[in-house]
N, C-alpha and C. Protein backbone atom coordinates (compact mmCIF):
# COMPACT_ATOMS: atom_id res chain seq x y z
N UNK A 1 11.54 -1.95 5.14
CA UNK A 1 10.54 -2.55 5.34
C UNK A 1 10.56 -3.34 4.32
N UNK A 2 10.73 -4.46 3.55
CA UNK A 2 10.87 -5.63 2.78
C UNK A 2 9.50 -5.54 2.18
N UNK A 3 9.40 -5.43 1.05
CA UNK A 3 7.93 -5.79 0.38
C UNK A 3 7.88 -6.80 0.03
N UNK A 4 7.08 -7.55 0.83
CA UNK A 4 6.39 -9.24 0.37
C UNK A 4 5.67 -9.27 -0.89
N UNK A 5 5.44 -10.59 -1.48
CA UNK A 5 4.91 -10.73 -2.93
C UNK A 5 3.52 -10.20 -2.61
N UNK A 6 2.57 -10.57 -1.67
CA UNK A 6 1.49 -10.07 -1.49
C UNK A 6 1.45 -8.66 -1.93
N UNK A 7 2.33 -7.82 -1.34
CA UNK A 7 2.26 -6.36 -1.70
C UNK A 7 2.04 -6.12 -3.24
N UNK A 8 3.29 -6.82 -3.85
CA UNK A 8 3.63 -6.38 -5.07
C UNK A 8 2.47 -6.86 -6.26
N UNK A 9 1.89 -8.32 -6.01
CA UNK A 9 0.41 -8.82 -6.25
C UNK A 9 -0.55 -7.79 -6.36
N UNK A 10 -0.33 -6.87 -5.20
CA UNK A 10 -1.69 -5.95 -5.34
C UNK A 10 -1.66 -4.83 -6.26
N UNK A 11 -0.22 -4.42 -6.43
CA UNK A 11 0.06 -3.33 -6.92
C UNK A 11 0.08 -3.64 -8.39
N UNK A 12 0.70 -4.78 -8.79
CA UNK A 12 0.35 -5.52 -10.05
C UNK A 12 -1.06 -5.74 -10.44
N UNK A 13 -2.31 -6.23 -9.87
CA UNK A 13 -3.19 -6.14 -9.88
C UNK A 13 -4.06 -4.85 -10.25
N UNK A 14 -3.41 -3.96 -9.48
CA UNK A 14 -4.26 -2.47 -9.92
C UNK A 14 -3.95 -2.06 -11.30
N UNK A 15 -2.37 -2.08 -11.44
CA UNK A 15 -2.00 -1.73 -12.59
C UNK A 15 -2.47 -2.18 -13.92
N UNK A 16 -3.00 -3.50 -13.92
CA UNK A 16 -3.58 -4.21 -14.97
C UNK A 16 -4.87 -3.66 -14.62
N UNK A 17 -5.52 -2.94 -14.24
CA UNK A 17 -6.92 -2.51 -14.16
C UNK A 17 -6.63 -0.55 -14.68
N UNK A 18 -5.36 -0.60 -14.38
CA UNK A 18 -5.09 0.75 -15.24
C UNK A 18 -5.05 1.76 -14.09
N UNK A 19 -4.73 1.31 -12.63
CA UNK A 19 -4.66 2.01 -11.73
C UNK A 19 -3.51 2.79 -11.13
N UNK A 20 -3.07 3.81 -11.33
CA UNK A 20 -1.49 4.24 -10.86
C UNK A 20 -1.52 3.71 -9.74
N UNK A 21 -0.41 2.87 -9.12
CA UNK A 21 0.08 2.48 -7.77
C UNK A 21 1.82 2.27 -7.76
N UNK A 22 1.99 2.52 -6.76
CA UNK A 22 3.44 2.36 -5.96
C UNK A 22 3.59 1.89 -5.04
N UNK A 23 4.62 1.80 -4.34
CA UNK A 23 4.71 1.11 -2.93
C UNK A 23 5.94 2.13 -2.32
N UNK A 24 5.41 2.66 -1.34
CA UNK A 24 6.38 3.37 -0.49
C UNK A 24 7.35 2.42 0.50
N UNK A 25 8.61 2.36 0.11
CA UNK A 25 9.62 1.88 0.53
C UNK A 25 10.11 2.07 1.36
N UNK A 26 10.06 3.59 2.03
CA UNK A 26 10.64 4.30 2.90
C UNK A 26 10.97 3.79 4.33
N UNK A 27 11.59 4.22 5.23
CA UNK A 27 11.84 3.61 6.48
C UNK A 27 10.97 4.60 7.25
N UNK A 28 10.12 5.52 6.61
CA UNK A 28 9.55 6.61 7.72
C UNK A 28 8.31 5.60 8.30
N UNK A 29 7.93 6.33 9.53
CA UNK A 29 6.89 5.92 10.65
C UNK A 29 5.77 5.46 9.50
N UNK A 30 4.87 5.42 10.00
CA UNK A 30 3.31 5.20 9.49
C UNK A 30 2.57 6.25 9.41
N UNK A 31 2.60 7.20 10.57
CA UNK A 31 1.74 8.56 10.67
C UNK A 31 2.60 9.28 9.15
N UNK A 32 4.09 9.12 9.30
CA UNK A 32 4.23 9.96 8.75
C UNK A 32 4.09 9.73 7.19
N UNK A 33 3.78 8.42 6.67
CA UNK A 33 4.14 8.10 5.44
C UNK A 33 2.35 8.43 4.85
N UNK A 34 1.88 8.54 6.06
CA UNK A 34 -0.06 8.68 5.64
C UNK A 34 0.25 10.36 5.38
N UNK A 35 0.68 11.16 6.09
CA UNK A 35 0.89 12.42 6.07
C UNK A 35 1.71 12.88 4.77
N UNK A 36 2.41 12.35 4.30
CA UNK A 36 3.21 12.58 2.80
C UNK A 36 2.31 12.26 1.85
N UNK A 37 1.17 11.22 1.90
CA UNK A 37 0.54 11.07 0.71
C UNK A 37 -0.73 11.94 1.16
N UNK A 38 -1.01 12.46 1.97
CA UNK A 38 -1.97 13.73 1.98
C UNK A 38 -1.46 14.89 1.34
N UNK A 39 -0.22 15.40 1.55
CA UNK A 39 0.35 16.27 1.15
C UNK A 39 0.66 16.31 -0.33
N UNK A 40 0.82 15.10 -0.51
CA UNK A 40 1.06 14.51 -2.15
C UNK A 40 -0.30 14.88 -3.05
N UNK A 41 -1.40 14.97 -2.53
CA UNK A 41 -2.76 14.75 -2.50
C UNK A 41 -2.97 13.50 -3.59
N UNK A 42 -2.98 12.29 -3.05
CA UNK A 42 -3.04 10.77 -3.48
C UNK A 42 -4.50 10.88 -2.75
N UNK A 43 -5.23 10.83 -3.48
CA UNK A 43 -6.70 10.33 -3.35
C UNK A 43 -6.94 9.23 -2.55
N UNK A 44 -6.17 7.88 -2.59
CA UNK A 44 -6.32 6.43 -2.14
C UNK A 44 -5.36 6.37 -1.60
N UNK A 45 -5.00 6.06 -0.19
CA UNK A 45 -3.46 5.05 0.22
C UNK A 45 -4.07 3.70 1.06
N UNK A 46 -3.53 2.60 0.16
CA UNK A 46 -3.72 1.14 1.01
C UNK A 46 -2.48 1.36 1.78
N UNK A 47 -2.85 0.94 3.32
CA UNK A 47 -1.48 0.09 3.88
C UNK A 47 -2.09 -1.15 4.40
N UNK A 48 -0.70 -1.60 4.09
CA UNK A 48 -0.74 -2.97 4.19
C UNK A 48 0.32 -3.75 5.50
N UNK A 49 -0.54 -4.05 6.30
CA UNK A 49 0.18 -4.66 7.55
C UNK A 49 0.13 -5.88 7.82
N UNK A 50 0.24 -6.49 9.14
CA UNK A 50 0.70 -7.67 9.37
C UNK A 50 -0.68 -8.47 9.20
N UNK A 51 -1.72 -7.75 9.77
CA UNK A 51 -3.00 -8.29 9.43
C UNK A 51 -3.48 -8.60 8.05
N UNK A 52 -3.30 -7.96 7.13
CA UNK A 52 -3.29 -8.52 5.76
C UNK A 52 -2.35 -9.15 5.25
N UNK A 53 -1.06 -9.25 5.99
CA UNK A 53 0.09 -10.27 5.40
C UNK A 53 -0.63 -11.59 5.92
N UNK A 54 -1.10 -12.13 7.00
CA UNK A 54 -1.67 -12.97 7.49
C UNK A 54 -2.66 -13.54 6.45
N UNK A 55 -3.75 -12.70 6.17
CA UNK A 55 -4.94 -13.22 5.40
C UNK A 55 -4.40 -13.49 3.92
N UNK A 56 -3.84 -12.33 3.72
CA UNK A 56 -3.16 -12.85 2.00
C UNK A 56 -4.35 -12.80 1.10
N UNK A 57 -5.62 -12.32 1.55
CA UNK A 57 -6.67 -12.37 0.33
C UNK A 57 -7.90 -11.72 0.64
N UNK A 58 -7.36 -10.35 1.22
CA UNK A 58 -8.44 -9.26 1.35
C UNK A 58 -7.48 -8.17 2.02
N UNK A 59 -7.78 -7.00 1.90
CA UNK A 59 -7.29 -5.98 2.16
C UNK A 59 -8.08 -4.98 2.79
N UNK A 60 -7.90 -4.50 3.99
CA UNK A 60 -9.35 -4.09 4.75
C UNK A 60 -9.34 -2.26 4.33
N UNK A 61 -10.07 -1.96 3.65
CA UNK A 61 -10.05 -0.19 3.99
C UNK A 61 -10.86 0.38 4.36
N UNK A 62 -10.47 1.53 4.71
CA UNK A 62 -11.46 2.46 5.72
C UNK A 62 -11.13 4.16 5.46
């Protein structure tokens, strides 16, 4: 998946707030990416999908 500018902007915004952030650019399926973040004990994972790209002004967290 190519990383759109919106995703890059979110990562940069988080880093400016001194929050460690990175993008998983792997071709793994969504469930595998989530599992990998759980195994790595990452406390929060933000998934940016088409809905977030379409809205470009909010990220849905659940």
